[in-house]
C-alpha atoms as a PDB file:
ATOM      1  CA  GLU A   1     -70.840 262.091  47.432  1.00  0.00           C
ATOM      2  CA  LYS A   2     -74.409 260.835  47.174  1.00  0.00           C
ATOM      3  CA  LYS A   3     -75.293 262.762  50.336  1.00  0.00           C
ATOM      4  CA  LYS A   4     -73.763 265.917  48.885  1.00  0.00           C
ATOM      5  CA  LYS A   5     -75.793 265.511  45.712  1.00  0.00           C
ATOM      6  CA  LYS A   6     -78.983 265.029  47.733  1.00  0.00           C
ATOM      7  CA  LYS A   7     -78.240 268.158  49.754  1.00  0.00           C
ATOM      8  CA  LYS A   8     -77.682 270.145  46.569  1.00  0.00           C
ATOM      9  CA  LYS A   9     -80.987 268.914  45.168  1.00  0.00           C
ATOM     10  CA  LYS A  10     -82.793 269.877  48.372  1.00  0.00           C
ATOM     11  CA  LYS A  11     -81.234 273.352  48.255  1.00  0.00           C
ATOM     12  CA  LYS A  12     -82.336 273.769  44.633  1.00  0.00           C
ATOM     13  CA  LYS A  13     -85.861 272.694  45.514  1.00  0.00           C
ATOM     14  CA  LYS A  14     -85.950 275.180  48.388  1.00  0.00           C
ATOM     15  CA  LYS A  15     -84.719 277.947  46.100  1.00  0.00           C
ATOM     16  CA  LYS A  16     -87.394 277.041  43.539  1.00  0.00           C
ATOM     17  CA  LYS A  17     -90.054 277.095  46.248  1.00  0.00           C
ATOM     18  CA  LYS A  18     -88.825 280.471  47.445  1.00  0.00           C
ATOM     19  CA  LYS A  19     -88.887 281.790  43.874  1.00  0.00           C
ATOM     20  CA  LYS A  20     -92.393 280.500  43.343  1.00  0.00           C
ATOM     21  CA  GLU A  21     -93.574 282.030  46.618  1.00  0.00           C
ATOM     22  CA  TRP A  22     -91.881 285.319  45.735  1.00  0.00           C
ATOM     23  CA  GLN A  23     -93.494 285.322  42.259  1.00  0.00           C
ATOM     24  CA  GLU A  24     -96.895 284.507  43.721  1.00  0.00           C
ATOM     25  CA  GLU A  25     -96.535 287.339  46.227  1.00  0.00           C
ATOM     26  CA  GLU A  26     -95.621 289.736  43.416  1.00  0.00           C
ATOM     27  CA  GLU A  27     -98.604 288.628  41.361  1.00  0.00           C
ATOM     28  CA  GLU A  28    -100.905 289.053  44.348  1.00  0.00           C
ATOM     29  CA  GLU A  29     -99.526 292.535  44.975  1.00  0.00           C
ATOM     30  CA  GLU A  30    -100.077 293.470  41.327  1.00  0.00           C
ATOM     31  CA  GLU A  31    -103.635 292.171  41.445  1.00  0.00           C
ATOM     32  CA  GLU A  32    -104.286 294.149  44.637  1.00  0.00           C
ATOM     33  CA  GLU A  33    -102.890 297.307  43.019  1.00  0.00           C
ATOM     34  CA  GLU A  34    -105.116 296.800  39.969  1.00  0.00           C
ATOM     35  CA  GLU A  35    -108.154 296.305  42.193  1.00  0.00           C
ATOM     36  CA  GLU A  36    -107.294 299.467  44.148  1.00  0.00           C
ATOM     37  CA  GLU A  37    -106.956 301.426  40.903  1.00  0.00           C
ATOM     38  CA  GLU A  38    -110.317 300.133  39.684  1.00  0.00           C
ATOM     39  CA  GLU A  39    -111.933 301.076  42.995  1.00  0.00           C
ATOM     40  CA  GLU A  40    -110.425 304.569  42.803  1.00  0.00           C
ATOM     41  CA  GLU A  41    -111.741 304.970  39.236  1.00  0.00           C
ATOM     42  CA  GLU A  42    -115.198 303.857  40.340  1.00  0.00           C
ATOM     43  CA  GLU A  43    -115.111 306.331  43.233  1.00  0.00           C
ATOM     44  CA  GLU A  44    -114.081 309.113  40.861  1.00  0.00           C
ATOM     45  CA  GLU A  45    -116.918 308.187  38.520  1.00  0.00           C
ATOM     46  CA  GLU A  46    -119.393 308.238  41.417  1.00  0.00           C
ATOM     47  CA  GLU A  47    -118.126 311.636  42.576  1.00  0.00           C
ATOM     48  CA  GLY A  48    -118.378 312.298  38.893  1.00  0.00           C
ATOM     49  CA  GLY A  49    -119.659 315.494  37.504  1.00  0.00           C
ATOM     50  CA  GLU A  50    -117.621 318.028  39.505  1.00  0.00           C
ATOM     51  CA  GLY A  51    -114.617 318.000  37.198  1.00  0.00           C
ATOM     52  CA  GLY A  52    -116.479 317.070  34.059  1.00  0.00           C
ATOM     53  CA  GLY A  53    -115.300 313.452  34.039  1.00  0.00           C
ATOM     54  CA  GLY A  54    -111.481 313.563  34.340  1.00  0.00           C
ATOM     55  CA  GLY A  55    -108.892 312.356  31.848  1.00  0.00           C
ATOM     56  CA  GLY A  56    -109.571 308.675  31.303  1.00  0.00           C
ATOM     57  CA  GLY A  57    -107.409 306.144  29.467  1.00  0.00           C
ATOM     58  CA  GLY A  58    -108.100 304.939  25.927  1.00  0.00           C
ATOM     59  CA  GLY A  59    -110.942 306.120  23.692  1.00  0.00           C
ATOM     60  CA  VAL A  60    -113.147 303.110  24.382  1.00  0.00           C
ATOM     61  CA  GLU A  61    -112.828 303.531  28.153  1.00  0.00           C
ATOM     62  CA  GLU A  62    -113.709 307.222  27.866  1.00  0.00           C
ATOM     63  CA  GLU A  63    -116.835 306.424  25.873  1.00  0.00           C
ATOM     64  CA  GLU A  64    -117.911 303.838  28.422  1.00  0.00           C
ATOM     65  CA  GLU A  65    -117.265 306.279  31.266  1.00  0.00           C
ATOM     66  CA  GLU A  66    -119.249 308.985  29.473  1.00  0.00           C
ATOM     67  CA  GLU A  67    -122.170 306.633  28.949  1.00  0.00           C
ATOM     68  CA  GLU A  68    -122.110 305.642  32.626  1.00  0.00           C
ATOM     69  CA  GLU A  69    -121.913 309.301  33.663  1.00  0.00           C
ATOM     70  CA  GLU A  70    -124.858 310.180  31.436  1.00  0.00           C
ATOM     71  CA  GLU A  71    -126.931 307.375  32.934  1.00  0.00           C
ATOM     72  CA  GLU A  72    -126.006 308.484  36.455  1.00  0.00           C
ATOM     73  CA  GLU A  73    -126.854 312.098  35.629  1.00  0.00           C
ATOM     74  CA  GLU A  74    -130.213 311.059  34.214  1.00  0.00           C
ATOM     75  CA  GLU A  75    -130.958 309.007  37.335  1.00  0.00           C
ATOM     76  CA  GLU A  76    -129.866 311.853  39.612  1.00  0.00           C
ATOM     77  CA  GLY A  77    -131.984 314.299  37.604  1.00  0.00           C
ATOM     78  CA  GLU A  78    -135.027 312.062  37.960  1.00  0.00           C
ATOM     79  CA  GLU A  79    -134.479 311.621  41.704  1.00  0.00           C
ATOM     80  CA  GLY A  80    -133.676 315.265  42.445  1.00  0.00           C
ATOM     81  CA  GLY A  81    -136.406 316.832  40.389  1.00  0.00           C
ATOM     82  CA  GLY A  82    -135.962 320.605  40.291  1.00  0.00           C
ATOM     83  CA  GLY A  83    -134.637 321.037  43.829  1.00  0.00           C
ATOM     84  CA  GLY A  84    -131.847 319.375  45.803  1.00  0.00           C
ATOM     85  CA  GLY A  85    -130.776 316.948  43.072  1.00  0.00           C
ATOM     86  CA  GLY A  86    -129.815 319.808  40.792  1.00  0.00           C
ATOM     87  CA  GLY A  87    -126.185 319.620  41.968  1.00  0.00           C
ATOM     88  CA  GLY A  88    -125.598 316.365  40.120  1.00  0.00           C
ATOM     89  CA  GLY A  89    -126.922 317.874  36.908  1.00  0.00           C
ATOM     90  CA  GLY A  90    -124.613 320.887  37.225  1.00  0.00           C
ATOM     91  CA  GLY A  91    -121.558 318.687  37.433  1.00  0.00           C
ATOM     92  CA  GLY A  92    -122.546 316.886  34.259  1.00  0.00           C
ATOM     93  CA  GLY A  93    -121.892 319.964  32.152  1.00  0.00           C
ATOM     94  CA  GLY A  94    -118.382 318.716  31.424  1.00  0.00           C
ATOM     95  CA  GLY A  95    -119.774 315.574  29.855  1.00  0.00           C
ATOM     96  CA  VAL A  96    -122.033 317.618  27.587  1.00  0.00           C
ATOM     97  CA  GLU A  97    -119.070 319.751  26.517  1.00  0.00           C
ATOM     98  CA  GLU A  98    -117.070 316.627  25.707  1.00  0.00           C
ATOM     99  CA  GLU A  99    -119.963 315.317  23.606  1.00  0.00           C
ATOM    100  CA  GLU A 100    -120.179 318.621  21.738  1.00  0.00           C
ATOM    101  CA  GLU A 101    -116.429 318.537  21.100  1.00  0.00           C
ATOM    102  CA  GLU A 102    -116.690 314.973  19.776  1.00  0.00           C
ATOM    103  CA  GLU A 103    -119.585 315.966  17.517  1.00  0.00           C
ATOM    104  CA  GLU A 104    -117.586 318.919  16.186  1.00  0.00           C
ATOM    105  CA  GLU A 105    -114.599 316.656  15.512  1.00  0.00           C
ATOM    106  CA  GLU A 106    -116.828 314.183  13.678  1.00  0.00           C
ATOM    107  CA  GLU A 107    -118.311 316.999  11.564  1.00  0.00           C
ATOM    108  CA  GLU A 108    -114.822 318.274  10.728  1.00  0.00           C
ATOM    109  CA  GLU A 109    -113.747 314.762   9.705  1.00  0.00           C
ATOM    110  CA  LYS A 110    -116.820 314.432   7.493  1.00  0.00           C
ATOM    111  CA  GLU A 111    -116.101 317.788   5.855  1.00  0.00           C
ATOM    112  CA  GLU A 112    -112.484 316.774   5.231  1.00  0.00           C
ATOM    113  CA  GLU A 113    -113.642 313.491   3.682  1.00  0.00           C
ATOM    114  CA  LYS A 114    -116.073 315.390   1.415  1.00  0.00           C
ATOM    115  CA  GLU A 115    -113.316 317.752   0.317  1.00  0.00           C
ATOM    116  CA  GLU A 116    -111.008 314.828  -0.430  1.00  0.00           C
ATOM    117  CA  GLU A 117    -113.746 313.113  -2.460  1.00  0.00           C
ATOM    118  CA  GLU A 118    -114.390 316.316  -4.429  1.00  0.00           C
ATOM    119  CA  GLU A 119    -110.678 316.696  -5.147  1.00  0.00           C
ATOM    120  CA  GLU A 120    -110.497 313.076  -6.327  1.00  0.00           C
ATOM    121  CA  GLU A 121    -113.514 313.609  -8.597  1.00  0.00           C
ATOM    122  CA  GLU A 122    -111.927 316.740 -10.076  1.00  0.00           C
ATOM    123  CA  GLU A 123    -108.676 314.858 -10.700  1.00  0.00           C
ATOM    124  CA  GLU A 124    -110.583 312.028 -12.389  1.00  0.00           C
ATOM    125  CA  GLU A 125    -112.441 314.505 -14.606  1.00  0.00           C
ATOM    126  CA  GLU A 126    -109.172 316.185 -15.575  1.00  0.00           C
ATOM    127  CA  GLU A 127    -107.630 312.808 -16.412  1.00  0.00           C
ATOM    128  CA  GLU A 128    -110.652 311.881 -18.546  1.00  0.00           C
ATOM    129  CA  GLU A 129    -110.409 315.191 -20.411  1.00  0.00           C
ATOM    130  CA  GLU A 130    -106.698 314.650 -21.022  1.00  0.00           C
ATOM    131  CA  GLU A 131    -107.386 311.132 -22.301  1.00  0.00           C
ATOM    132  CA  GLU A 132    -110.053 312.444 -24.666  1.00  0.00           C
ATOM    133  CA  GLU A 133    -107.672 315.105 -25.979  1.00  0.00           C
ATOM    134  CA  GLU A 134    -104.979 312.475 -26.494  1.00  0.00           C
ATOM    135  CA  GLU A 135    -107.460 310.280 -28.367  1.00  0.00           C
ATOM    136  CA  GLU A 136    -108.394 313.147 -30.662  1.00  0.00           C
ATOM    137  CA  GLU A 137    -104.737 313.928 -31.293  1.00  0.00           C
ATOM    138  CA  GLY A 138    -104.090 310.255 -32.007  1.00  0.00           C
ATOM    139  CA  CYS A 139    -106.912 310.202 -34.525  1.00  0.00           C
ATOM    140  CA  LYS A 140    -105.543 313.291 -36.278  1.00  0.00           C
ATOM    141  CA  ASN A 141    -102.041 311.792 -36.406  1.00  0.00           C
ATOM    142  CA  LEU A 142    -103.348 308.568 -37.886  1.00  0.00           C
ATOM    143  CA  LEU A 143    -105.249 310.479 -40.520  1.00  0.00           C
ATOM    144  CA  LEU A 144    -102.179 312.476 -41.431  1.00  0.00           C
ATOM    145  CA  THR A 145    -100.018 309.376 -41.758  1.00  0.00           C
ATOM    146  CA  TRP A 146    -102.622 307.619 -43.889  1.00  0.00           C
ATOM    147  CA  SER A 147    -103.658 310.638 -45.907  1.00  0.00           C
ATOM    148  CA  LYS A 148    -101.579 309.578 -48.917  1.00  0.00           C
ATOM    149  CA  TYR A 149    -103.241 306.178 -48.974  1.00  0.00           C
ATOM    150  CA  LEU A 150    -106.632 307.866 -48.747  1.00  0.00           C
ATOM    151  CA  TRP A 151    -105.740 310.336 -51.479  1.00  0.00           C
ATOM    152  CA  TYR A 152    -104.744 307.518 -53.864  1.00  0.00           C
ATOM    153  CA  THR A 153    -107.654 305.173 -53.068  1.00  0.00           C
ATOM    154  CA  GLY A 154    -110.377 307.728 -52.328  1.00  0.00           C
ATOM    155  CA  SER A 155    -111.772 305.358 -49.642  1.00  0.00           C
ATOM    156  CA  VAL A 156    -113.563 306.437 -46.450  1.00  0.00           C
ATOM    157  CA  ALA A 157    -111.221 306.753 -43.453  1.00  0.00           C
ATOM    158  CA  THR A 158    -112.133 307.000 -39.793  1.00  0.00           C
ATOM    159  CA  CYS A 159    -110.053 306.161 -36.701  1.00  0.00           C
ATOM    160  CA  HIS A 160    -110.950 304.368 -33.492  1.00  0.00           C
ATOM    161  CA  ASP A 161    -108.426 305.597 -30.889  1.00  0.00           C
ATOM    162  CA  LYS A 162    -104.784 306.549 -30.444  1.00  0.00           C
ATOM    163  CA  ASN A 163    -103.694 302.894 -30.190  1.00  0.00           C
ATOM    164  CA  ALA A 164    -105.527 301.774 -33.318  1.00  0.00           C
ATOM    165  CA  THR A 165    -103.715 300.980 -36.550  1.00  0.00           C
ATOM    166  CA  PRO A 166    -105.693 301.303 -39.766  1.00  0.00           C
ATOM    167  CA  HIS A 167    -105.920 298.347 -42.140  1.00  0.00           C
ATOM    168  CA  LEU A 168    -105.789 298.588 -45.912  1.00  0.00           C
ATOM    169  CA  THR A 169    -109.534 298.332 -46.326  1.00  0.00           C
ATOM    170  CA  ASP A 170    -112.154 300.699 -47.692  1.00  0.00           C
ATOM    171  CA  THR A 171    -113.308 301.768 -44.177  1.00  0.00           C
ATOM    172  CA  PHE A 172    -111.604 302.094 -40.799  1.00  0.00           C
ATOM    173  CA  ILE A 173    -114.188 302.336 -37.961  1.00  0.00           C
ATOM    174  CA  CYS A 174    -114.104 305.194 -35.401  1.00  0.00           C
ATOM    175  CA  LYS A 175    -116.279 307.086 -32.929  1.00  0.00           C
ATOM    176  CA  ARG A 176    -116.371 310.163 -35.189  1.00  0.00           C
ATOM    177  CA  PRO A 177    -115.672 310.180 -38.918  1.00  0.00           C
ATOM    178  CA  HIS A 178    -112.911 312.662 -39.767  1.00  0.00           C
ATOM    179  CA  VAL A 179    -112.490 312.308 -43.521  1.00  0.00           C
ATOM    180  CA  LYS A 180    -114.981 311.310 -46.185  1.00  0.00           C
END
C-alpha cells in the first residue's frame, strides 16, 4: 500500500510538471506572437505613408503612431530635399488629413459645448425672471391679505419676499415699498 501511494504521488508530480511545461510553452508562444505583431506594426509604420497610416488600435496608440509618422516624414523631407525624398512626403498626406479631421472634430465639440452653455444661461435667466415674478406676486398677495390691518392702523407697509410674513409693527421692510 505504501508503494502504491508513492507511485500515485510520483504520477501526480509528473502530471504537474507536464502541466507547468505546457503552460510555459503556451506563455512563450503568446509572447512570441505579441513580439511578431509588434514587429509587423513597426514595419507598417516604417513603410508608413503609402496608406496614410492604417487603422491603429486605441486613441492613444493612434496619436503616438501619428507623432512618430510626422517625425519620420520630417526627417525624410530633410534628407530628400526637393528631389528623390519627395516620395516619403507624398505618403504622409494621409496623416495630414487625419489631423485636419481631428481638428474639425475638436472644433465641433467646442461649438457644441458653447451652445450647451448658452442654453444653460438662457434657462438660468428664465428661472430668475420667473422667481422675480413670483416674488412680486407674493408681495402683492401679502399686501392684499394685510390691507385691512393697514387700513385700520394707517401704518406703512412693505413686503420682503413671497416667504415673508408681516409682523404687527408700524413698518414691514421690503425691497420696494408698495403702500404708503
